[in-house]
C-alpha atoms as a PDB file:
ATOM      1  CA  UNK A   1     118.416  89.945  43.622  1.00  0.00           C
ATOM      2  CA  UNK A   2     119.024  90.380  40.582  1.00  0.00           C
ATOM      3  CA  UNK A   3     121.525  93.156  38.505  1.00  0.00           C
ATOM      4  CA  UNK A   4     118.878  95.847  38.300  1.00  0.00           C
ATOM      5  CA  UNK A   5     119.259  97.955  41.477  1.00  0.00           C
ATOM      6  CA  UNK A   6     123.189  98.726  42.248  1.00  0.00           C
ATOM      7  CA  UNK A   7     123.924  99.837  45.477  1.00  0.00           C
ATOM      8  CA  UNK A   8     127.529 100.876  46.687  1.00  0.00           C
ATOM      9  CA  UNK A   9     127.591 101.858  50.057  1.00  0.00           C
ATOM     10  CA  UNK A  10     129.743 105.102  51.451  1.00  0.00           C
ATOM     11  CA  UNK A  11     128.984 105.364  54.402  1.00  0.00           C
ATOM     12  CA  UNK A  12     127.140 107.590  55.953  1.00  0.00           C
ATOM     13  CA  UNK A  13     125.713 107.491  52.360  1.00  0.00           C
ATOM     14  CA  UNK A  14     124.364 105.267  49.628  1.00  0.00           C
ATOM     15  CA  UNK A  15     124.429 105.382  46.225  1.00  0.00           C
ATOM     16  CA  UNK A  16     121.475 103.492  44.315  1.00  0.00           C
ATOM     17  CA  UNK A  17     121.303 102.677  40.619  1.00  0.00           C
ATOM     18  CA  UNK A  18     119.006 101.832  38.160  1.00  0.00           C
ATOM     19  CA  UNK A  19     120.852  99.321  36.226  1.00  0.00           C
ATOM     20  CA  UNK A  20     118.455  98.798  32.286  1.00  0.00           C
ATOM     21  CA  UNK A  21     121.324 101.042  30.146  1.00  0.00           C
ATOM     22  CA  UNK A  22     119.523  99.417  27.068  1.00  0.00           C
ATOM     23  CA  UNK A  23     115.907 100.168  27.887  1.00  0.00           C
ATOM     24  CA  UNK A  24     117.176 103.350  28.870  1.00  0.00           C
ATOM     25  CA  UNK A  25     116.155 102.468  33.156  1.00  0.00           C
ATOM     26  CA  UNK A  26     112.818 101.406  32.157  1.00  0.00           C
ATOM     27  CA  UNK A  27     110.814 100.788  34.870  1.00  0.00           C
ATOM     28  CA  UNK A  28     109.820  97.050  35.053  1.00  0.00           C
ATOM     29  CA  UNK A  29     108.088  95.122  37.487  1.00  0.00           C
ATOM     30  CA  UNK A  30     111.364  93.174  39.005  1.00  0.00           C
ATOM     31  CA  UNK A  31     113.306  96.699  38.691  1.00  0.00           C
ATOM     32  CA  UNK A  32     110.290  98.556  41.123  1.00  0.00           C
ATOM     33  CA  UNK A  33     110.201  95.603  43.212  1.00  0.00           C
ATOM     34  CA  UNK A  34     113.941  95.322  43.768  1.00  0.00           C
ATOM     35  CA  UNK A  35     114.073  99.036  44.047  1.00  0.00           C
ATOM     36  CA  UNK A  36     111.618  99.241  46.652  1.00  0.00           C
ATOM     37  CA  UNK A  37     113.795  96.027  48.555  1.00  0.00           C
ATOM     38  CA  UNK A  38     116.654  97.539  48.591  1.00  0.00           C
ATOM     39  CA  UNK A  39     115.430 101.266  49.781  1.00  0.00           C
ATOM     40  CA  UNK A  40     113.653 100.024  52.683  1.00  0.00           C
ATOM     41  CA  UNK A  41     116.528  97.399  53.590  1.00  0.00           C
ATOM     42  CA  UNK A  42     118.891 100.942  53.856  1.00  0.00           C
ATOM     43  CA  UNK A  43     116.131 103.227  55.095  1.00  0.00           C
ATOM     44  CA  UNK A  44     116.739 100.536  58.616  1.00  0.00           C
ATOM     45  CA  UNK A  45     120.259 100.791  58.370  1.00  0.00           C
ATOM     46  CA  UNK A  46     121.911 103.535  61.082  1.00  0.00           C
ATOM     47  CA  UNK A  47     124.655 103.400  58.893  1.00  0.00           C
ATOM     48  CA  UNK A  48     123.482 105.018  56.301  1.00  0.00           C
ATOM     49  CA  UNK A  49     121.939 109.198  56.792  1.00  0.00           C
ATOM     50  CA  UNK A  50     121.121 110.157  52.899  1.00  0.00           C
ATOM     51  CA  UNK A  51     120.771 107.924  49.867  1.00  0.00           C
ATOM     52  CA  UNK A  52     121.057 109.185  46.542  1.00  0.00           C
ATOM     53  CA  UNK A  53     119.221 107.557  43.948  1.00  0.00           C
ATOM     54  CA  UNK A  54     120.121 107.932  40.339  1.00  0.00           C
ATOM     55  CA  UNK A  55     120.320 106.453  36.565  1.00  0.00           C
ATOM     56  CA  UNK A  56     123.080 106.947  33.894  1.00  0.00           C
ATOM     57  CA  UNK A  57     124.197 109.859  31.775  1.00  0.00           C
ATOM     58  CA  UNK A  58     122.016 108.901  29.252  1.00  0.00           C
ATOM     59  CA  UNK A  59     118.844 108.515  31.440  1.00  0.00           C
ATOM     60  CA  UNK A  60     117.267 108.279  35.357  1.00  0.00           C
ATOM     61  CA  UNK A  61     114.278 106.657  33.876  1.00  0.00           C
ATOM     62  CA  UNK A  62     112.603 107.152  30.558  1.00  0.00           C
ATOM     63  CA  UNK A  63     109.343 105.593  32.003  1.00  0.00           C
ATOM     64  CA  UNK A  64     107.302 102.658  32.990  1.00  0.00           C
ATOM     65  CA  UNK A  65     108.233  99.225  30.531  1.00  0.00           C
ATOM     66  CA  UNK A  66     105.181  99.593  28.025  1.00  0.00           C
ATOM     67  CA  UNK A  67     105.702  96.254  27.277  1.00  0.00           C
ATOM     68  CA  UNK A  68     104.220  95.233  30.550  1.00  0.00           C
ATOM     69  CA  UNK A  69     101.646  97.947  30.086  1.00  0.00           C
ATOM     70  CA  UNK A  70     100.927  96.965  26.685  1.00  0.00           C
ATOM     71  CA  UNK A  71      98.990  93.320  28.084  1.00  0.00           C
ATOM     72  CA  UNK A  72      98.053  94.495  31.331  1.00  0.00           C
ATOM     73  CA  UNK A  73      94.558  94.501  31.874  1.00  0.00           C
ATOM     74  CA  UNK A  74      92.458  96.960  34.556  1.00  0.00           C
ATOM     75  CA  UNK A  75      92.403  93.998  36.545  1.00  0.00           C
ATOM     76  CA  UNK A  76      95.784  93.079  36.544  1.00  0.00           C
ATOM     77  CA  UNK A  77      96.755  96.984  37.255  1.00  0.00           C
ATOM     78  CA  UNK A  78      94.752  96.855  40.363  1.00  0.00           C
ATOM     79  CA  UNK A  79      95.813  93.724  41.713  1.00  0.00           C
ATOM     80  CA  UNK A  80      99.535  94.501  41.167  1.00  0.00           C
ATOM     81  CA  UNK A  81      99.714  97.075  43.393  1.00  0.00           C
ATOM     82  CA  UNK A  82     102.422  98.923  41.191  1.00  0.00           C
ATOM     83  CA  UNK A  83     101.900 102.194  41.964  1.00  0.00           C
ATOM     84  CA  UNK A  84     101.821 101.914  45.733  1.00  0.00           C
ATOM     85  CA  UNK A  85     105.787 101.540  45.311  1.00  0.00           C
ATOM     86  CA  UNK A  86     105.947 105.281  44.676  1.00  0.00           C
ATOM     87  CA  UNK A  87     104.027 105.310  47.959  1.00  0.00           C
ATOM     88  CA  UNK A  88     106.642 103.613  49.504  1.00  0.00           C
ATOM     89  CA  UNK A  89     109.538 105.195  48.520  1.00  0.00           C
ATOM     90  CA  UNK A  90     108.109 108.576  49.329  1.00  0.00           C
ATOM     91  CA  UNK A  91     107.761 107.196  53.163  1.00  0.00           C
ATOM     92  CA  UNK A  92     111.137 106.342  53.491  1.00  0.00           C
ATOM     93  CA  UNK A  93     112.351 108.095  56.897  1.00  0.00           C
ATOM     94  CA  UNK A  94     116.165 108.462  55.261  1.00  0.00           C
ATOM     95  CA  UNK A  95     116.684 111.492  53.324  1.00  0.00           C
ATOM     96  CA  UNK A  96     116.624 110.467  49.162  1.00  0.00           C
ATOM     97  CA  UNK A  97     118.649 112.870  46.590  1.00  0.00           C
ATOM     98  CA  UNK A  98     117.572 111.160  42.416  1.00  0.00           C
ATOM     99  CA  UNK A  99     120.137 112.486  40.664  1.00  0.00           C
ATOM    100  CA  UNK A 100     119.074 112.620  37.085  1.00  0.00           C
ATOM    101  CA  UNK A 101     120.564 113.440  34.058  1.00  0.00           C
ATOM    102  CA  UNK A 102     118.985 112.904  30.462  1.00  0.00           C
ATOM    103  CA  UNK A 103     115.241 111.623  30.589  1.00  0.00           C
ATOM    104  CA  UNK A 104     112.987 111.642  33.110  1.00  0.00           C
ATOM    105  CA  UNK A 105     109.590 110.898  32.040  1.00  0.00           C
ATOM    106  CA  UNK A 106     106.404 109.021  32.500  1.00  0.00           C
ATOM    107  CA  UNK A 107     106.999 106.692  36.016  1.00  0.00           C
ATOM    108  CA  UNK A 108     110.764 108.481  35.830  1.00  0.00           C
ATOM    109  CA  UNK A 109     109.608 111.373  36.947  1.00  0.00           C
ATOM    110  CA  UNK A 110     106.797 110.787  39.137  1.00  0.00           C
ATOM    111  CA  UNK A 111     110.030 108.573  41.035  1.00  0.00           C
ATOM    112  CA  UNK A 112     112.717 111.313  40.795  1.00  0.00           C
ATOM    113  CA  UNK A 113     109.688 113.592  42.600  1.00  0.00           C
ATOM    114  CA  UNK A 114     109.077 110.812  45.067  1.00  0.00           C
ATOM    115  CA  UNK A 115     112.886 111.663  46.121  1.00  0.00           C
ATOM    116  CA  UNK A 116     112.929 114.721  48.826  1.00  0.00           C
ATOM    117  CA  UNK A 117     114.964 116.831  46.160  1.00  0.00           C
ATOM    118  CA  UNK A 118     116.498 116.921  42.552  1.00  0.00           C
ATOM    119  CA  UNK A 119     119.739 117.306  41.672  1.00  0.00           C
ATOM    120  CA  UNK A 120     119.935 117.551  37.523  1.00  0.00           C
ATOM    121  CA  UNK A 121     122.512 117.461  34.888  1.00  0.00           C
ATOM    122  CA  UNK A 122     121.837 120.106  32.188  1.00  0.00           C
ATOM    123  CA  UNK A 123     121.318 117.627  30.110  1.00  0.00           C
ATOM    124  CA  UNK A 124     117.725 116.809  32.253  1.00  0.00           C
ATOM    125  CA  UNK A 125     114.800 116.259  30.151  1.00  0.00           C
ATOM    126  CA  UNK A 126     111.628 116.184  32.325  1.00  0.00           C
ATOM    127  CA  UNK A 127     107.984 114.936  30.967  1.00  0.00           C
ATOM    128  CA  UNK A 128     104.862 113.466  31.655  1.00  0.00           C
ATOM    129  CA  UNK A 129     104.188 111.842  28.375  1.00  0.00           C
ATOM    130  CA  UNK A 130     101.414 109.637  29.134  1.00  0.00           C
ATOM    131  CA  UNK A 131      98.474 111.009  27.372  1.00  0.00           C
ATOM    132  CA  UNK A 132     100.257 110.206  23.900  1.00  0.00           C
ATOM    133  CA  UNK A 133      99.506 106.496  24.847  1.00  0.00           C
ATOM    134  CA  UNK A 134      95.961 106.925  25.502  1.00  0.00           C
ATOM    135  CA  UNK A 135      96.773 106.994  29.175  1.00  0.00           C
ATOM    136  CA  UNK A 136      97.304 109.347  32.322  1.00  0.00           C
ATOM    137  CA  UNK A 137      99.952 109.793  34.790  1.00  0.00           C
ATOM    138  CA  UNK A 138      99.313 107.392  37.439  1.00  0.00           C
ATOM    139  CA  UNK A 139     102.160 106.974  40.633  1.00  0.00           C
ATOM    140  CA  UNK A 140     101.676 111.077  41.055  1.00  0.00           C
ATOM    141  CA  UNK A 141     102.204 112.710  38.108  1.00  0.00           C
ATOM    142  CA  UNK A 142      99.162 115.114  38.059  1.00  0.00           C
ATOM    143  CA  UNK A 143      98.713 115.344  41.709  1.00  0.00           C
ATOM    144  CA  UNK A 144     103.094 116.177  42.669  1.00  0.00           C
ATOM    145  CA  UNK A 145     103.833 117.884  39.232  1.00  0.00           C
ATOM    146  CA  UNK A 146     100.882 120.368  39.954  1.00  0.00           C
ATOM    147  CA  UNK A 147     102.395 120.532  43.952  1.00  0.00           C
ATOM    148  CA  UNK A 148     105.644 121.559  42.112  1.00  0.00           C
ATOM    149  CA  UNK A 149     105.330 123.765  39.683  1.00  0.00           C
ATOM    150  CA  UNK A 150     102.069 125.153  39.544  1.00  0.00           C
ATOM    151  CA  UNK A 151      98.510 124.283  37.260  1.00  0.00           C
ATOM    152  CA  UNK A 152      99.251 125.982  34.644  1.00  0.00           C
ATOM    153  CA  UNK A 153     102.832 124.661  33.810  1.00  0.00           C
ATOM    154  CA  UNK A 154     101.670 121.230  34.683  1.00  0.00           C
ATOM    155  CA  UNK A 155      98.621 121.523  31.975  1.00  0.00           C
ATOM    156  CA  UNK A 156     101.084 122.420  29.461  1.00  0.00           C
ATOM    157  CA  UNK A 157     103.324 119.313  30.311  1.00  0.00           C
ATOM    158  CA  UNK A 158     100.819 116.687  30.780  1.00  0.00           C
ATOM    159  CA  UNK A 159      98.639 118.082  28.007  1.00  0.00           C
ATOM    160  CA  UNK A 160     100.841 118.704  25.446  1.00  0.00           C
ATOM    161  CA  UNK A 161     103.559 115.987  26.041  1.00  0.00           C
ATOM    162  CA  UNK A 162     106.523 118.734  26.100  1.00  0.00           C
ATOM    163  CA  UNK A 163     109.829 118.478  27.844  1.00  0.00           C
ATOM    164  CA  UNK A 164     111.183 120.704  30.758  1.00  0.00           C
ATOM    165  CA  UNK A 165     114.879 121.178  30.597  1.00  0.00           C
ATOM    166  CA  UNK A 166     116.897 121.131  33.415  1.00  0.00           C
ATOM    167  CA  UNK A 167     117.127 125.702  33.662  1.00  0.00           C
ATOM    168  CA  UNK A 168     113.009 125.181  33.147  1.00  0.00           C
ATOM    169  CA  UNK A 169     112.338 122.991  35.592  1.00  0.00           C
ATOM    170  CA  UNK A 170     114.512 124.778  38.051  1.00  0.00           C
ATOM    171  CA  UNK A 171     112.934 128.405  37.626  1.00  0.00           C
ATOM    172  CA  UNK A 172     109.358 126.121  37.993  1.00  0.00           C
ATOM    173  CA  UNK A 173     110.194 124.725  40.980  1.00  0.00           C
ATOM    174  CA  UNK A 174     111.040 120.721  39.648  1.00  0.00           C
ATOM    175  CA  UNK A 175     114.789 120.848  40.739  1.00  0.00           C
ATOM    176  CA  UNK A 176     116.670 122.063  43.786  1.00  0.00           C
ATOM    177  CA  UNK A 177     120.242 122.438  41.510  1.00  0.00           C
ATOM    178  CA  UNK A 178     121.453 122.181  38.456  1.00  0.00           C
ATOM    179  CA  UNK A 179     125.191 121.216  37.526  1.00  0.00           C
ATOM    180  CA  UNK A 180     127.231 120.902  34.685  1.00  0.00           C
ATOM    181  CA  UNK A 181     126.963 117.526  32.690  1.00  0.00           C
ATOM    182  CA  UNK A 182     130.248 115.843  33.365  1.00  0.00           C
ATOM    183  CA  UNK A 183     129.533 116.298  37.699  1.00  0.00           C
ATOM    184  CA  UNK A 184     125.714 115.939  38.396  1.00  0.00           C
ATOM    185  CA  UNK A 185     126.357 112.387  39.683  1.00  0.00           C
ATOM    186  CA  UNK A 186     129.970 113.927  42.564  1.00  0.00           C
ATOM    187  CA  UNK A 187     126.989 116.718  43.105  1.00  0.00           C
ATOM    188  CA  UNK A 188     124.146 114.224  44.136  1.00  0.00           C
ATOM    189  CA  UNK A 189     126.673 112.636  46.333  1.00  0.00           C
ATOM    190  CA  UNK A 190     128.121 115.622  47.769  1.00  0.00           C
ATOM    191  CA  UNK A 191     125.062 117.205  48.646  1.00  0.00           C
ATOM    192  CA  UNK A 192     124.166 113.676  50.471  1.00  0.00           C
ATOM    193  CA  UNK A 193     127.343 113.804  52.983  1.00  0.00           C
ATOM    194  CA  UNK A 194     125.889 117.266  53.761  1.00  0.00           C
ATOM    195  CA  UNK A 195     122.756 116.185  54.406  1.00  0.00           C
ATOM    196  CA  UNK A 196     124.031 113.279  56.269  1.00  0.00           C
ATOM    197  CA  UNK A 197     126.111 115.318  58.134  1.00  0.00           C
ATOM    198  CA  UNK A 198     123.752 116.709  59.998  1.00  0.00           C
ATOM    199  CA  UNK A 199     121.276 115.439  63.301  1.00  0.00           C
ATOM    200  CA  UNK A 200     119.378 112.181  61.573  1.00  0.00           C
ATOM    201  CA  UNK A 201     117.004 112.402  64.294  1.00  0.00           C
ATOM    202  CA  UNK A 202     116.633 116.056  63.189  1.00  0.00           C
ATOM    203  CA  UNK A 203     116.644 115.159  59.645  1.00  0.00           C
ATOM    204  CA  UNK A 204     113.657 112.664  59.841  1.00  0.00           C
ATOM    205  CA  UNK A 205     111.864 115.021  61.764  1.00  0.00           C
ATOM    206  CA  UNK A 206     112.294 118.285  59.564  1.00  0.00           C
ATOM    207  CA  UNK A 207     111.502 115.801  55.974  1.00  0.00           C
ATOM    208  CA  UNK A 208     107.809 115.113  57.723  1.00  0.00           C
ATOM    209  CA  UNK A 209     106.801 118.382  58.494  1.00  0.00           C
ATOM    210  CA  UNK A 210     107.816 119.783  54.925  1.00  0.00           C
ATOM    211  CA  UNK A 211     105.884 116.773  53.650  1.00  0.00           C
ATOM    212  CA  UNK A 212     103.333 117.844  55.393  1.00  0.00           C
ATOM    213  CA  UNK A 213     103.513 121.547  54.309  1.00  0.00           C
ATOM    214  CA  UNK A 214     103.076 119.971  51.195  1.00  0.00           C
ATOM    215  CA  UNK A 215     100.328 118.070  51.984  1.00  0.00           C
ATOM    216  CA  UNK A 216      98.324 119.853  54.277  1.00  0.00           C
ATOM    217  CA  UNK A 217      96.717 123.382  55.099  1.00  0.00           C
ATOM    218  CA  UNK A 218      99.082 125.785  56.687  1.00  0.00           C
ATOM    219  CA  UNK A 219      97.294 125.637  59.974  1.00  0.00           C
ATOM    220  CA  UNK A 220      97.424 121.882  60.046  1.00  0.00           C
ATOM    221  CA  UNK A 221     101.586 122.119  58.995  1.00  0.00           C
ATOM    222  CA  UNK A 222     102.280 124.181  61.792  1.00  0.00           C
ATOM    223  CA  UNK A 223     100.210 122.336  64.096  1.00  0.00           C
ATOM    224  CA  UNK A 224     102.302 119.164  63.378  1.00  0.00           C
ATOM    225  CA  UNK A 225     105.243 121.567  62.767  1.00  0.00           C
ATOM    226  CA  UNK A 226     105.222 122.077  66.693  1.00  0.00           C
ATOM    227  CA  UNK A 227     104.634 118.779  67.915  1.00  0.00           C
ATOM    228  CA  UNK A 228     107.971 117.473  65.710  1.00  0.00           C
ATOM    229  CA  UNK A 229     110.069 120.243  67.416  1.00  0.00           C
ATOM    230  CA  UNK A 230     109.110 119.645  70.560  1.00  0.00           C
ATOM    231  CA  UNK A 231     110.193 115.619  69.437  1.00  0.00           C
ATOM    232  CA  UNK A 232     113.000 116.483  68.146  1.00  0.00           C
ATOM    233  CA  UNK A 233     114.323 118.646  71.536  1.00  0.00           C
ATOM    234  CA  UNK A 234     113.340 115.422  73.175  1.00  0.00           C
ATOM    235  CA  UNK A 235     116.263 113.393  71.527  1.00  0.00           C
ATOM    236  CA  UNK A 236     120.022 112.673  72.635  1.00  0.00           C
ATOM    237  CA  UNK A 237     121.081 114.413  69.067  1.00  0.00           C
ATOM    238  CA  UNK A 238     119.593 117.872  70.239  1.00  0.00           C
ATOM    239  CA  UNK A 239     121.434 117.713  73.744  1.00  0.00           C
ATOM    240  CA  UNK A 240     124.368 116.938  71.369  1.00  0.00           C
ATOM    241  CA  UNK A 241     124.245 119.272  69.141  1.00  0.00           C
ATOM    242  CA  UNK A 242     123.406 122.295  71.049  1.00  0.00           C
ATOM    243  CA  UNK A 243     126.296 121.366  73.716  1.00  0.00           C
ATOM    244  CA  UNK A 244     128.715 120.823  70.359  1.00  0.00           C
ATOM    245  CA  UNK A 245     127.708 124.411  69.108  1.00  0.00           C
ATOM    246  CA  UNK A 246     128.338 126.128  72.543  1.00  0.00           C
ATOM    247  CA  UNK A 247     131.905 124.294  72.794  1.00  0.00           C
ATOM    248  CA  UNK A 248     133.081 125.083  69.535  1.00  0.00           C
ATOM    249  CA  UNK A 249     133.388 121.126  68.286  1.00  0.00           C
ATOM    250  CA  UNK A 250     132.215 119.198  65.931  1.00  0.00           C
ATOM    251  CA  UNK A 251     128.439 117.128  66.774  1.00  0.00           C
ATOM    252  CA  UNK A 252     128.696 113.388  67.337  1.00  0.00           C
ATOM    253  CA  UNK A 253     125.390 112.433  66.295  1.00  0.00           C
ATOM    254  CA  UNK A 254     123.916 108.825  67.372  1.00  0.00           C
ATOM    255  CA  UNK A 255     120.786 109.249  65.779  1.00  0.00           C
ATOM    256  CA  UNK A 256     118.775 108.868  69.170  1.00  0.00           C
END
């Protein structure tokens, strides 16, 4: 492995940091490949119950690597299966928190939207400026942004190329929480620890249920939610959590 992606374990959480600061964390093929590998490894580790995905103060990720794209043909893009890496990230079981400071543009915004929630510094800027290059968002930008902020706002951002600051992104529903510039990563880690303290089986099932609401009709979502509720009740964690509540003690979840 290179140093394009850094991993810091602090069980029960891990912090995964994009590490191309001189390129504003542009999402090159090697970086994305390594990112998916690292996240997949952590997803399989039962000791890790929540993951923070971060950039640096200046940028979460300012987009795709334009140099790579400029020399790629349509067939190169197809066979590289580049955008499928965003889908792999979205399908992780472990809750994933995006910690965003500075620029979060293009593929970077699509990467943040592939996470389960976004904690943003007050300096954060979100956008999908691909049409200024003669292309369109292709890793979920036209779909996830529209579902997050609505058609009118998504059309404005994608067609005009303007950026949303943190406050507007929160009002529109893209960002979960805004924090001061000096606290963006620590707050994301605090939220991750809060998430990790809950029943891990229940968290995975709840994440799946919320994603189903995002992707389907209300009727299908409710049907799926009920099945997941029964599955949660069948877990050992559910018995432990309910017993601990009655006994007024902290639960000892085992991910079973």
